Protein backbone atom coordinates (compact mmCIF):
# COMPACT_ATOMS: atom_id res chain seq x y z
CA MET A 1 27.85 25.99 -42.68
CA GLU A 2 24.74 22.86 -42.25
CA PRO A 3 27.62 21.66 -39.83
CA LEU A 4 26.31 25.14 -38.42
CA ILE A 5 23.30 24.74 -38.05
CA GLN A 6 23.23 20.34 -36.78
CA LEU A 7 25.02 21.63 -33.81
CA THR A 8 22.17 24.67 -33.22
CA VAL A 9 19.84 22.43 -33.61
CA LEU A 10 20.95 19.58 -31.92
CA THR A 11 21.78 22.07 -28.73
CA ALA A 12 18.16 23.15 -29.59
CA ALA A 13 16.53 20.26 -28.10
CA THR A 14 19.00 18.73 -25.91
CA ALA A 15 18.09 22.19 -23.85
CA LEU A 16 13.96 21.29 -24.33
CA ALA A 17 14.39 18.33 -23.85
CA ALA A 18 16.24 19.14 -20.06
CA GLY A 19 13.70 21.35 -19.65
CA SER A 20 10.98 19.08 -20.09
CA ALA A 21 12.33 16.85 -17.94
CA ILE A 22 12.70 18.96 -14.93
CA ALA A 23 9.69 20.41 -15.31
CA LEU A 24 8.10 16.69 -15.16
CA ASN A 25 10.71 15.11 -12.58
CA TRP A 26 8.78 18.58 -10.65
CA ILE A 27 5.35 17.48 -11.20
CA PHE A 28 6.12 14.07 -10.40
CA LEU A 29 7.72 15.19 -6.79
CA ARG A 30 5.35 17.20 -6.22
CA THR A 31 2.53 14.74 -6.41
CA ALA A 32 4.50 12.01 -4.84
CA PHE A 33 4.57 14.53 -1.72
CA ARG A 34 0.45 15.06 -2.14
CA LEU A 35 0.14 11.68 -2.10
CA MET A 36 2.06 10.94 1.21
CA GLN A 37 0.40 13.05 3.39
CA PRO A 38 -2.08 11.38 5.90
CA ALA A 39 -5.13 11.08 4.43
CA GLY A 40 -7.14 13.71 7.58
CA ALA A 41 -3.77 16.23 6.91
CA SER A 42 -5.49 19.86 6.44
CA SER A 43 -3.30 23.00 5.23
CA SER A 44 -4.70 25.11 6.72
CA LYS A 45 -3.02 26.82 9.28
CA ALA A 46 -5.92 27.33 12.59
CA ALA A 47 -5.44 23.27 12.06
CA ALA A 48 -1.71 22.80 12.16
CA ALA A 49 -1.39 25.34 15.30
CA SER A 50 -4.20 23.22 17.08
CA TYR A 51 -2.76 20.38 16.85
CA ARG A 52 -1.28 18.47 19.08
CA PRO A 53 1.27 15.40 18.79
CA TYR A 54 0.32 12.12 20.87
CA VAL A 55 3.22 11.68 22.87
CA ARG A 56 3.47 7.73 24.87
CA SER A 57 5.44 8.99 27.56
CA GLU A 58 6.65 5.15 28.28
CA LEU A 59 8.65 5.70 25.58
CA VAL A 60 9.65 9.77 26.73
CA GLN A 61 10.97 8.16 29.78
CA GLY A 62 12.54 4.63 28.47
CA THR A 63 14.50 6.60 26.06
CA ARG A 64 15.09 9.59 29.14
CA ALA A 65 16.65 6.35 30.75
CA SER A 66 19.37 5.01 28.01
CA ALA A 67 19.82 8.51 28.10
CA GLN A 68 21.22 8.93 31.43
CA GLN A 69 22.86 5.18 31.35
CA PHE A 70 25.22 5.85 28.42
CA VAL A 71 26.09 8.71 30.03
CA LEU A 72 26.83 7.20 33.75
CA HIS A 73 29.02 4.41 31.72
CA ARG A 74 31.08 7.04 29.30
């Protein structure tokens, strides 16, 4: 009877430890993502909808030219 009780306690302790590890991992992951946001980031939908990223046109044109050269030389 004693080995069965020991096995039950070991199983319960393992399940509790696994649950705690998953919970702490989830909390740390969410905290890391919150810390990675830029300082001026807003969580409101109106601010996100009006956000227009600044695109440097010379980079876009350079990428387009590189892609065209790649296609031409294939």
